[in-house]
Amino acid sequence: ARQAGKAADVLSQVLNMARSIKAPAQERAVASMLAQAHGAQQNFEAALQASTRTLELTRQLGFQQMEAVDTYNVGLFNLMLKRPSEAVALFKQAQDKVTDNANPNFMKELLFNLGMSQIQIGEKNAGETNIRDALPKANQVKDWTKLLVGHQQLAELAKERGDVAEAQKQYADALKIAEQTKNTEARKRLKERMKGLRA
């Protein structure tokens, strides 16, 4: 975290230099790095400001290939600041900008966070669909955490609507991942939830 703090200080100085010499492409690159540095420090308000500036410059410069990722980052920092409605709107904008050959890792993050944000604002069906769509991509890039959390979230949604069989299946899939990754805490929690289904 201290390194991220030092990086943020240096990047802020470089950003001011890029602004003063009116070099928008360089300013965009530095603002993007600054957003990530602030994000790493969990300074999400500063990260949101830097990512919003990055997106403004991306649009100004016509860097269309970067617009989906930059829009997603603004959405992500809104989500981290507990603003799920804003996050959903931004994630949907990012989704509209995605090209056909989008990176599966990026698509996993976009669909997963869109789904989780939608669930937070009560759009449970849409959220469930997006999480389901994120899972094969998470599997493709071997993101075990997203797979575990995704299956667990799908189980919770199934349980809420009274679909015990689907909840059982999703918990079992999450449990399998917890066992493969030797995540004893998750394994214990999942077994308790599975017991709760039978009660």
Protein backbone atom coordinates (compact mmCIF):
# COMPACT_ATOMS: atom_id res chain seq x y z
CA ALA A 1 0.00 0.00 0.00
CA ARG A 2 2.90 2.37 0.72
CA GLN A 3 4.29 1.76 -2.77
CA ALA A 4 0.87 2.55 -4.26
CA GLY A 5 0.89 5.76 -2.22
CA LYS A 6 4.32 6.76 -3.51
CA ALA A 7 3.25 5.85 -7.05
CA ALA A 8 0.13 8.00 -6.67
CA ASP A 9 2.24 10.99 -5.56
CA VAL A 10 4.65 10.64 -8.50
CA LEU A 11 1.82 10.07 -10.98
CA SER A 12 0.01 13.18 -9.70
CA GLN A 13 3.14 15.24 -10.46
CA VAL A 14 3.49 13.69 -13.92
CA LEU A 15 -0.23 14.30 -14.57
CA ASN A 16 0.20 18.00 -13.78
CA MET A 17 3.19 18.16 -16.17
CA ALA A 18 1.19 16.47 -18.96
CA ARG A 19 -1.64 18.96 -18.41
CA SER A 20 0.70 21.95 -18.42
CA ILE A 21 2.28 20.96 -21.75
CA LYS A 22 -1.16 20.08 -23.15
CA ALA A 23 -0.38 16.46 -23.95
CA PRO A 24 -3.80 14.75 -23.67
CA ALA A 25 -2.64 11.26 -24.73
CA GLN A 26 0.07 11.27 -22.04
CA GLU A 27 -2.33 12.81 -19.52
CA ARG A 28 -4.84 10.01 -20.29
CA ALA A 29 -2.21 7.29 -19.74
CA VAL A 30 -1.07 8.82 -16.45
CA ALA A 31 -4.65 9.44 -15.23
CA SER A 32 -5.42 5.77 -15.91
CA MET A 33 -2.38 4.62 -13.88
CA LEU A 34 -3.26 7.10 -11.13
CA ALA A 35 -6.80 5.65 -10.91
CA GLN A 36 -5.33 2.16 -10.45
CA ALA A 37 -2.85 3.38 -7.83
CA HIS A 38 -5.64 5.08 -5.86
CA GLY A 39 -7.79 1.97 -6.26
CA ALA A 40 -4.99 -0.21 -4.86
CA GLN A 41 -4.93 2.07 -1.80
CA GLN A 42 -8.73 1.79 -1.55
CA ASN A 43 -8.92 5.54 -2.03
CA PHE A 44 -11.98 5.08 -4.25
CA GLU A 45 -13.09 8.72 -4.38
CA ALA A 46 -9.70 9.79 -5.82
CA ALA A 47 -9.72 6.71 -8.09
CA LEU A 48 -13.16 7.73 -9.37
CA GLN A 49 -11.93 11.25 -10.16
CA ALA A 50 -8.88 9.94 -12.03
CA SER A 51 -10.86 7.29 -13.92
CA THR A 52 -13.53 9.87 -14.88
CA ARG A 53 -10.76 12.13 -16.26
CA THR A 54 -9.31 9.14 -18.14
CA LEU A 55 -12.69 8.45 -19.74
CA GLU A 56 -13.14 12.14 -20.70
CA LEU A 57 -9.74 12.13 -22.42
CA THR A 58 -10.40 8.76 -24.09
CA ARG A 59 -13.57 10.20 -25.64
CA GLN A 60 -11.88 13.50 -26.50
CA LEU A 61 -9.02 11.66 -28.24
CA GLY A 62 -11.37 9.23 -30.02
CA PHE A 63 -9.65 6.16 -28.51
CA GLN A 64 -12.69 3.94 -29.11
CA GLN A 65 -10.83 0.70 -28.38
CA MET A 66 -10.24 1.92 -24.79
CA GLU A 67 -13.69 3.30 -24.11
CA ALA A 68 -15.26 0.05 -22.80
CA VAL A 69 -12.50 -0.52 -20.23
CA ASP A 70 -12.37 3.14 -19.18
CA THR A 71 -16.18 3.25 -18.76
CA TYR A 72 -16.03 -0.01 -16.78
CA ASN A 73 -13.40 1.49 -14.43
CA VAL A 74 -15.64 4.49 -13.66
CA GLY A 75 -18.45 2.00 -12.95
CA LEU A 76 -16.23 -0.15 -10.75
CA PHE A 77 -15.16 2.76 -8.56
CA ASN A 78 -18.82 3.81 -8.23
CA LEU A 79 -19.60 0.25 -7.10
CA MET A 80 -16.75 0.40 -4.56
CA LEU A 81 -18.25 3.66 -3.27
CA LYS A 82 -21.59 1.82 -2.75
CA ARG A 83 -23.34 3.51 -5.68
CA PRO A 84 -24.75 0.44 -7.46
CA SER A 85 -27.30 2.35 -9.59
CA GLU A 86 -24.56 4.49 -11.14
CA ALA A 87 -22.39 1.38 -11.53
CA VAL A 88 -25.15 -0.49 -13.42
CA ALA A 89 -25.63 2.40 -15.85
CA LEU A 90 -21.87 2.63 -16.50
CA PHE A 91 -21.39 -1.14 -16.82
CA LYS A 92 -24.20 -1.21 -19.40
CA GLN A 93 -22.51 1.62 -21.33
CA ALA A 94 -19.25 -0.35 -21.21
CA GLN A 95 -21.09 -3.44 -22.46
CA ASP A 96 -22.38 -1.43 -25.45
CA LYS A 97 -18.80 -0.42 -26.32
CA VAL A 98 -17.34 -3.95 -26.16
CA THR A 99 -15.93 -5.31 -29.41
CA ASP A 100 -16.50 -8.89 -30.59
CA ASN A 101 -12.98 -10.04 -29.72
CA ALA A 102 -13.12 -8.72 -26.14
CA ASN A 103 -10.67 -10.12 -23.62
CA PRO A 104 -12.39 -12.93 -21.63
CA ASN A 105 -10.85 -11.65 -18.39
CA PHE A 106 -12.38 -8.20 -18.98
CA MET A 107 -15.75 -9.71 -19.96
CA LYS A 108 -15.73 -11.84 -16.80
CA GLU A 109 -15.19 -8.75 -14.63
CA LEU A 110 -17.76 -6.67 -16.52
CA LEU A 111 -20.53 -9.30 -16.45
CA PHE A 112 -19.83 -10.35 -12.86
CA ASN A 113 -19.80 -6.80 -11.46
CA LEU A 114 -22.81 -5.78 -13.57
CA GLY A 115 -24.68 -8.80 -12.19
CA MET A 116 -23.71 -8.11 -8.58
CA SER A 117 -24.70 -4.43 -8.96
CA GLN A 118 -28.05 -5.35 -10.50
CA ILE A 119 -28.80 -7.69 -7.59
CA GLN A 120 -28.02 -4.85 -5.15
CA ILE A 121 -30.61 -2.59 -6.79
CA GLY A 122 -33.25 -5.33 -7.02
CA GLU A 123 -32.81 -6.34 -10.69
CA LYS A 124 -32.32 -9.95 -9.61
CA ASN A 125 -33.24 -11.73 -12.87
CA ALA A 126 -30.90 -9.58 -14.96
CA GLY A 127 -28.21 -9.91 -12.30
CA GLU A 128 -28.52 -13.68 -12.25
CA THR A 129 -28.26 -13.84 -16.05
CA ASN A 130 -25.09 -11.74 -16.06
CA ILE A 131 -23.47 -13.79 -13.29
CA ARG A 132 -24.32 -17.00 -15.18
CA ASP A 133 -22.75 -15.49 -18.32
CA ALA A 134 -19.62 -14.51 -16.34
CA LEU A 135 -18.99 -18.01 -14.94
CA PRO A 136 -17.71 -19.72 -18.15
CA LYS A 137 -15.33 -16.79 -18.66
CA ALA A 138 -14.18 -17.05 -15.03
CA ASN A 139 -13.58 -20.76 -15.61
CA GLN A 140 -11.68 -20.01 -18.84
CA VAL A 141 -9.26 -17.68 -17.02
CA LYS A 142 -9.22 -19.83 -13.86
CA ASP A 143 -10.57 -17.13 -11.54
CA TRP A 144 -11.56 -19.44 -8.70
CA THR A 145 -12.70 -16.62 -6.43
CA LYS A 146 -15.21 -15.33 -8.98
CA LEU A 147 -16.42 -18.89 -9.63
CA LEU A 148 -16.89 -19.56 -5.92
CA VAL A 149 -18.67 -16.26 -5.23
CA GLY A 150 -20.72 -16.54 -8.44
CA HIS A 151 -22.03 -20.03 -7.65
CA GLN A 152 -22.73 -18.99 -4.07
CA GLN A 153 -24.67 -15.92 -5.27
CA LEU A 154 -26.69 -18.06 -7.70
CA ALA A 155 -27.46 -20.45 -4.82
CA GLU A 156 -28.68 -17.56 -2.65
CA LEU A 157 -30.94 -16.31 -5.44
CA ALA A 158 -32.36 -19.81 -6.03
CA LYS A 159 -32.94 -20.22 -2.29
CA GLU A 160 -34.77 -16.86 -2.15
CA ARG A 161 -37.23 -17.96 -4.82
CA GLY A 162 -37.72 -21.36 -3.18
CA ASP A 163 -35.81 -23.45 -5.77
CA VAL A 164 -34.06 -25.74 -3.29
CA ALA A 165 -32.73 -28.14 -5.97
CA GLU A 166 -31.00 -25.31 -7.87
CA ALA A 167 -29.67 -23.80 -4.64
CA GLN A 168 -28.28 -27.23 -3.66
CA LYS A 169 -26.59 -27.61 -7.08
CA GLN A 170 -25.02 -24.13 -6.97
CA TYR A 171 -23.81 -24.59 -3.39
CA ALA A 172 -22.33 -27.96 -4.40
CA ASP A 173 -20.49 -26.32 -7.34
CA ALA A 174 -19.16 -23.61 -5.01
CA LEU A 175 -18.15 -26.26 -2.47
CA LYS A 176 -16.23 -28.18 -5.15
CA ILE A 177 -14.21 -25.04 -5.93
CA ALA A 178 -13.62 -24.34 -2.22
CA GLU A 179 -12.27 -27.88 -1.83
CA GLN A 180 -10.07 -27.65 -4.96
CA THR A 181 -8.58 -24.38 -3.78
CA LYS A 182 -8.27 -25.58 -0.16
CA ASN A 183 -10.42 -22.67 1.07
CA THR A 184 -11.42 -24.11 4.45
CA GLU A 185 -13.36 -21.03 5.60
CA ALA A 186 -15.54 -21.02 2.47
CA ARG A 187 -15.96 -24.79 2.70
CA LYS A 188 -17.25 -24.53 6.26
CA ARG A 189 -19.60 -21.65 5.41
CA LEU A 190 -20.99 -23.47 2.35
CA LYS A 191 -21.61 -26.71 4.27
CA GLU A 192 -23.57 -24.73 6.88
CA ARG A 193 -25.68 -23.10 4.19
CA MET A 194 -26.33 -26.46 2.54
CA LYS A 195 -27.49 -27.83 5.91
CA GLY A 196 -29.78 -24.83 6.24
CA LEU A 197 -31.49 -25.82 2.98
CA ARG A 198 -32.49 -29.20 4.41
CA ALA A 199 -33.72 -27.77 7.70
